[in-house]
Amino acid sequence: MSLSKALDANYLRKTMADDEEFDFEAFYNKHPNEVKAIDGSLLAYFAVFEPLFQWMWDEGTRCGVWGDEYSCHGSVWLTLAYVAMLSTVLAPGIWGGISMFAKNFTYVNDQQRDEVVWLATFGLPFAAIWATIWLYCLPHTWSLLPWGSWDMNWWKIFPYIFGLSWFGLGPLLGTITAILGKFKQFAEDEKQAHEFEEDFKTKLAISADETMKFEFQELKSLEPADQPLTKESDEDSSKYVFVPEEMTDPPQFTSILGDMDIHEKYKE
């Protein structure tokens, strides 16, 4: 069996193994810290945070956005406190989820993974707190919220469209865009590395097949009945040696790398 067929068989077995039933024990052994972080965040939220601090969210958002005469100038800041504590509780879970997802890109180094993981861990909670301040708490303090009657408060739409919406959502949108951009780059690097690996396997298989073919031809050429004779010495004309025809023309081997288009990153 040629080397190319053997490589294809190994790939098929690996693919079939990946399609087997999900093994949680193996998954936990591969991502122990991430699983613990996610479980810890969920446990802290449902067992501690929600029972003790849900009232802060209910009180802070009681007048909402479309209320009329009810004043929320003081209680809206309870919403900020709730979001800040919630972000702290969920930060380990964010770290675990992003870290687990980043590990799927096997051709990305640890430094690149850490950059996107910590960006999400600190960037998303900060962006949520920032958005709460500028889109909810400060507008209530400045009497932009609650909205109230449209006939009297139609002008409030302009500060939101041209100012607060961009200023408040800017960090959140920027963080999400940066995270998605890094994962997109990871996918491109993964694709290039996979193509390089497949090209290498193909050229390796071709080189191995040609080597085996040459060795077979060399063994066949050693049969004395088919070879030309040449004198070994002018003094003893009765002695002859067999000289294979292939030895007069050195064989040409195919390089394993050949003319592969190697990315500059892998040349280093």
Protein backbone atom coordinates (compact mmCIF):
# COMPACT_ATOMS: atom_id res chain seq x y z
CA MET A 1 0.00 0.00 0.00
CA SER A 2 1.39 3.44 -0.88
CA LEU A 3 2.03 6.08 1.74
CA SER A 4 -0.73 8.31 0.36
CA LYS A 5 -3.32 5.58 0.92
CA ALA A 6 -2.04 5.02 4.43
CA LEU A 7 -2.40 8.72 5.23
CA ASP A 8 -5.94 8.74 3.85
CA ALA A 9 -6.81 5.73 6.00
CA ASN A 10 -5.49 7.43 9.12
CA TYR A 11 -7.51 10.56 8.34
CA LEU A 12 -10.65 8.47 7.86
CA ARG A 13 -10.18 6.74 11.20
CA LYS A 14 -9.67 10.09 12.90
CA THR A 15 -12.83 11.49 11.32
CA MET A 16 -14.87 8.50 12.42
CA ALA A 17 -13.51 8.83 15.94
CA ASP A 18 -14.56 12.50 16.06
CA ASP A 19 -18.12 11.52 15.15
CA GLU A 20 -18.46 9.18 18.11
CA GLU A 21 -20.62 9.95 21.13
CA PHE A 22 -19.59 12.94 23.24
CA ASP A 23 -17.28 11.93 26.09
CA PHE A 24 -17.71 14.38 28.97
CA GLU A 25 -14.87 12.88 31.00
CA ALA A 26 -12.41 13.38 28.14
CA PHE A 27 -13.83 16.86 27.57
CA TYR A 28 -13.33 17.75 31.24
CA ASN A 29 -9.78 16.38 31.24
CA LYS A 30 -9.01 18.58 28.23
CA HIS A 31 -10.58 21.76 29.68
CA PRO A 32 -10.56 21.38 33.50
CA ASN A 33 -10.05 25.03 34.42
CA GLU A 34 -12.55 26.30 31.87
CA VAL A 35 -15.28 23.91 33.04
CA LYS A 36 -14.68 24.88 36.68
CA ALA A 37 -14.83 28.59 35.84
CA ILE A 38 -18.12 28.25 33.95
CA ASP A 39 -19.68 26.06 36.64
CA GLY A 40 -18.52 28.47 39.35
CA SER A 41 -20.09 31.45 37.60
CA LEU A 42 -23.40 29.68 37.06
CA LEU A 43 -23.49 28.45 40.65
CA ALA A 44 -22.67 31.90 42.03
CA TYR A 45 -25.38 33.50 39.91
CA PHE A 46 -28.25 31.12 40.61
CA ALA A 47 -27.41 30.24 44.22
CA VAL A 48 -26.19 33.58 45.56
CA PHE A 49 -26.48 36.56 43.24
CA GLU A 50 -30.02 36.25 41.92
CA PRO A 51 -31.71 35.55 45.31
CA LEU A 52 -29.84 38.36 47.08
CA PHE A 53 -29.59 41.12 44.48
CA GLN A 54 -32.44 40.71 42.02
CA TRP A 55 -34.36 43.39 43.90
CA MET A 56 -31.76 45.95 42.84
CA TRP A 57 -32.54 45.35 39.18
CA ASP A 58 -36.31 45.42 39.78
CA GLU A 59 -36.12 48.67 41.72
CA GLY A 60 -33.67 50.36 39.39
CA THR A 61 -35.66 49.61 36.25
CA ARG A 62 -39.11 50.21 37.74
CA CYS A 63 -39.83 53.37 35.76
CA GLY A 64 -38.10 51.98 32.69
CA VAL A 65 -37.72 53.98 29.52
CA TRP A 66 -41.34 54.83 28.70
CA GLY A 67 -42.56 55.93 32.15
CA ASP A 68 -44.16 59.30 32.76
CA GLU A 69 -44.24 61.09 36.12
CA TYR A 70 -42.47 58.59 38.34
CA SER A 71 -39.03 59.76 39.40
CA CYS A 72 -36.13 57.32 39.19
CA HIS A 73 -33.33 59.83 39.69
CA GLY A 74 -31.89 57.92 42.64
CA SER A 75 -32.97 54.35 42.15
CA VAL A 76 -31.56 54.06 38.62
CA TRP A 77 -28.08 53.81 40.08
CA LEU A 78 -29.12 50.52 41.66
CA THR A 79 -29.21 49.25 38.08
CA LEU A 80 -25.56 50.20 37.66
CA ALA A 81 -24.63 48.42 40.88
CA TYR A 82 -26.50 45.33 39.75
CA VAL A 83 -24.79 45.29 36.32
CA ALA A 84 -21.36 45.81 37.90
CA MET A 85 -21.80 42.91 40.32
CA LEU A 86 -23.32 40.71 37.63
CA SER A 87 -20.33 41.38 35.36
CA THR A 88 -17.99 40.36 38.17
CA VAL A 89 -19.90 37.14 38.78
CA LEU A 90 -19.98 36.20 35.09
CA ALA A 91 -16.37 37.18 34.31
CA PRO A 92 -14.93 33.73 35.16
CA GLY A 93 -17.57 32.10 32.96
CA ILE A 94 -16.70 34.45 30.11
CA TRP A 95 -13.04 33.53 30.54
CA GLY A 96 -13.87 29.81 30.50
CA GLY A 97 -16.10 29.97 27.44
CA ILE A 98 -13.76 32.09 25.31
CA SER A 99 -10.71 30.09 26.39
CA MET A 100 -12.42 26.82 25.55
CA PHE A 101 -13.45 28.09 22.13
CA ALA A 102 -9.98 29.50 21.40
CA LYS A 103 -8.39 26.11 22.08
CA ASN A 104 -10.18 24.71 19.04
CA PHE A 105 -7.65 26.59 16.90
CA THR A 106 -4.72 24.21 17.29
CA TYR A 107 -2.32 26.16 15.07
CA VAL A 108 -2.61 29.37 17.15
CA ASN A 109 0.00 30.01 19.83
CA ASP A 110 -0.79 30.60 23.50
CA GLN A 111 -0.03 34.31 23.37
CA GLN A 112 -2.66 34.90 20.68
CA ARG A 113 -5.22 32.87 22.62
CA ASP A 114 -4.51 34.78 25.84
CA GLU A 115 -4.99 38.11 24.07
CA VAL A 116 -8.52 37.34 22.93
CA VAL A 117 -9.43 35.58 26.20
CA TRP A 118 -8.44 38.49 28.44
CA LEU A 119 -9.93 41.00 26.03
CA ALA A 120 -13.30 39.29 26.41
CA THR A 121 -12.92 38.73 30.17
CA PHE A 122 -12.28 42.39 30.99
CA GLY A 123 -13.62 44.15 27.91
CA LEU A 124 -17.17 42.79 27.90
CA PRO A 125 -17.95 43.52 31.59
CA PHE A 126 -16.47 47.02 31.34
CA ALA A 127 -18.44 47.70 28.15
CA ALA A 128 -21.67 46.55 29.81
CA ILE A 129 -21.09 48.87 32.78
CA TRP A 130 -20.25 51.76 30.46
CA ALA A 131 -23.39 51.23 28.39
CA THR A 132 -25.55 51.14 31.53
CA ILE A 133 -24.15 54.46 32.70
CA TRP A 134 -24.58 56.37 29.44
CA LEU A 135 -27.75 54.78 28.09
CA TYR A 136 -29.80 54.47 31.27
CA CYS A 137 -28.45 56.03 34.45
CA LEU A 138 -27.25 59.42 33.21
CA PRO A 139 -30.27 59.98 30.90
CA HIS A 140 -32.54 59.58 33.93
CA THR A 141 -30.38 61.97 35.90
CA TRP A 142 -30.55 64.51 33.06
CA SER A 143 -34.35 64.02 32.68
CA LEU A 144 -33.95 62.53 29.19
CA LEU A 145 -35.64 59.44 30.62
CA PRO A 146 -38.29 58.34 31.20
CA TRP A 147 -39.45 59.30 27.76
CA GLY A 148 -42.97 60.34 28.66
CA SER A 149 -45.44 61.76 26.17
CA TRP A 150 -44.21 61.91 22.57
CA ASP A 151 -45.92 65.26 21.97
CA MET A 152 -43.80 66.96 24.59
CA ASN A 153 -40.63 64.90 24.43
CA TRP A 154 -40.04 64.22 20.73
CA TRP A 155 -36.79 66.19 20.84
CA LYS A 156 -35.18 63.60 23.15
CA ILE A 157 -34.60 61.29 20.22
CA PHE A 158 -31.83 63.51 18.87
CA PRO A 159 -29.47 63.28 21.88
CA TYR A 160 -29.83 59.52 21.71
CA ILE A 161 -29.30 59.12 17.96
CA PHE A 162 -26.43 61.58 17.59
CA GLY A 163 -24.76 61.29 20.96
CA LEU A 164 -25.59 58.82 23.71
CA SER A 165 -26.18 55.73 21.55
CA TRP A 166 -22.76 55.91 19.88
CA PHE A 167 -20.96 56.99 23.03
CA GLY A 168 -22.62 54.38 25.22
CA LEU A 169 -22.51 51.44 22.82
CA GLY A 170 -19.10 52.29 21.33
CA PRO A 171 -16.95 50.24 23.77
CA LEU A 172 -19.32 47.28 23.60
CA LEU A 173 -19.45 47.22 19.81
CA GLY A 174 -15.69 47.81 19.62
CA THR A 175 -14.93 44.93 21.98
CA ILE A 176 -17.22 42.51 20.16
CA THR A 177 -15.76 43.55 16.80
CA ALA A 178 -12.20 43.06 18.08
CA ILE A 179 -13.01 39.60 19.45
CA LEU A 180 -14.68 38.50 16.21
CA GLY A 181 -11.78 39.92 14.21
CA LYS A 182 -9.25 37.90 16.20
CA PHE A 183 -11.26 34.70 15.77
CA LYS A 184 -11.52 35.40 12.05
CA GLN A 185 -7.74 35.71 11.90
CA PHE A 186 -7.41 32.46 13.85
CA ALA A 187 -9.62 30.72 11.29
CA GLU A 188 -7.53 32.03 8.40
CA ASP A 189 -4.29 30.92 10.08
CA GLU A 190 -5.84 27.53 10.76
CA LYS A 191 -6.86 27.16 7.13
CA GLN A 192 -3.40 28.10 5.84
CA ALA A 193 -1.69 25.71 8.25
CA HIS A 194 -4.05 22.90 7.28
CA GLU A 195 -3.44 23.50 3.57
CA PHE A 196 0.31 23.50 4.21
CA GLU A 197 0.04 20.21 6.12
CA GLU A 198 -2.05 18.56 3.41
CA ASP A 199 0.34 19.77 0.71
CA PHE A 200 3.27 18.44 2.70
CA LYS A 201 1.60 15.03 3.10
CA THR A 202 0.85 14.88 -0.62
CA LYS A 203 4.42 15.69 -1.63
CA LEU A 204 5.78 13.31 0.99
CA ALA A 205 3.62 10.51 -0.39
CA ILE A 206 4.71 11.27 -3.98
CA SER A 207 8.36 11.31 -2.96
CA ALA A 208 8.01 8.01 -1.09
CA ASP A 209 6.24 6.36 -4.04
CA GLU A 210 8.94 7.48 -6.48
CA THR A 211 11.67 6.27 -4.11
CA MET A 212 10.07 2.83 -3.90
CA LYS A 213 9.71 2.75 -7.69
CA PHE A 214 13.39 3.61 -8.17
CA GLU A 215 14.54 0.94 -5.72
CA PHE A 216 12.45 -1.64 -7.54
CA GLN A 217 13.98 -0.66 -10.87
CA GLU A 218 17.46 -0.81 -9.35
CA LEU A 219 16.93 -4.34 -8.07
CA LYS A 220 15.57 -5.41 -11.42
CA SER A 221 18.57 -3.95 -13.24
CA LEU A 222 20.96 -6.18 -11.28
CA GLU A 223 19.96 -9.26 -13.33
CA PRO A 224 23.17 -10.21 -15.23
CA ALA A 225 21.49 -11.46 -18.42
CA ASP A 226 20.17 -8.01 -19.27
CA GLN A 227 23.25 -5.89 -18.50
CA PRO A 228 26.10 -4.73 -20.80
CA LEU A 229 29.64 -5.90 -20.08
CA THR A 230 32.72 -3.72 -19.66
CA LYS A 231 36.36 -4.60 -19.05
CA GLU A 232 37.54 -4.21 -15.49
CA SER A 233 41.23 -4.11 -16.49
CA ASP A 234 43.35 -4.03 -19.66
CA GLU A 235 45.63 -6.72 -18.22
CA ASP A 236 42.86 -9.28 -17.52
CA SER A 237 40.35 -9.23 -20.38
CA SER A 238 38.48 -12.22 -18.99
CA LYS A 239 37.11 -10.28 -16.03
CA TYR A 240 33.95 -8.32 -16.53
CA VAL A 241 31.55 -6.51 -14.26
CA PHE A 242 27.94 -5.63 -14.81
CA VAL A 243 27.12 -1.96 -15.03
CA PRO A 244 23.39 -1.06 -14.71
CA GLU A 245 22.23 1.34 -17.37
CA GLU A 246 20.50 3.48 -14.76
CA MET A 247 23.85 4.22 -13.12
CA THR A 248 25.00 6.12 -16.20
CA ASP A 249 22.21 8.59 -15.65
CA PRO A 250 21.79 9.60 -11.98
CA PRO A 251 18.17 9.31 -10.82
CA GLN A 252 16.13 12.39 -10.13
CA PHE A 253 14.32 12.43 -6.81
CA THR A 254 11.32 14.56 -6.03
CA SER A 255 11.95 16.80 -3.04
CA ILE A 256 9.61 16.36 -0.10
CA LEU A 257 9.03 20.09 0.04
CA GLY A 258 9.24 20.55 -3.72
CA ASP A 259 7.90 23.86 -4.83
CA MET A 260 5.54 24.24 -1.90
CA ASP A 261 4.29 27.74 -1.27
CA ILE A 262 5.32 28.08 2.37
CA HIS A 263 3.93 30.99 4.36
CA GLU A 264 6.55 33.33 5.80
CA LYS A 265 5.36 32.44 9.32
CA TYR A 266 6.37 28.77 8.86
CA LYS A 267 9.73 29.62 7.24
CA GLU A 268 10.76 31.25 10.51
